[in-house]
Amino acid sequence: MKLTREKKSQVLEDLKRLFKDSSASVASNYSGLAGFEITELRKSLREKGIRLIVTKNTLVKKALDNLGLEINQEILDQPVVFAFGEDEVEVCKLLHQFAKEHDNLKILGGIIAGEQADKSKITALALLPGREELEGKLVGILAAPTYGLVNVLHGNIRGLINILNQYKNKLESQ
C-alpha cells in the first residue's frame, strides 16, 4: 500500500508518540502468520490495553532516530509488528504466550523503559509473575506478622480460659 507524504507524516507522529509514551515496545517477526492470527493477536492485546502496529520499518527507524532511541538494526530488516503497552511484564507475557501457541511469531527484541532489549530480556520479563500475583504475595508477606501476633494473643487467651475452666471444674468437684 502506497502511503502519501501526509499519511507518512501522520504515521510517523503516531509512532513517535507510541514509542515515547509506552514503557514497552516489543518487536516480533510476523511472516507466516495468517491474517486471522494477526487479528486474534491484536484482539487479545487490545483487551489488555496493548496496541499492535504493523507499519513500514523506515518510518519506525525515523521515529526512533527522532526520539534518540536505539534498536538492533537486524530487527528492522525483516517484517515486524510492534506491541506497545504500559506494563512491560504483561506485554512480554502476552506476546510470549502467543508465540508459544503460534510458531510463526518470533519475538525479536524491543525497547523496555527507554532501553534497548534483546529477545532474552523479553523472555525473562515474560517469565516473571504478573503484577497482581506479585501484589498478592506482597500483601501476604506484609500481613503474616500481624496474623502471627493475633494467633499468639488468641493462644494466650485460650490458655487462660482453659486454666480458669479447669479451676472451676476443680472447685465444683470439691
Foldseek 3Di string as FASTA:
>chain_A
DDDDPVRLVVVLVVLLCLVVPFQWKWKKFQPPPDPVLVVVLQVVLVVVVKHKAFDQLVSNVVSCVVVVADEPVVSNVGGIMIITHHDLLVVLQSLVVSCVVPVNIGTAWTAHRRHTGGPVVSVVSNPDDDPVVVVVVVVCVVCVVVVVVVVVVVVVVVVVVVVVVVVVVVVVVD
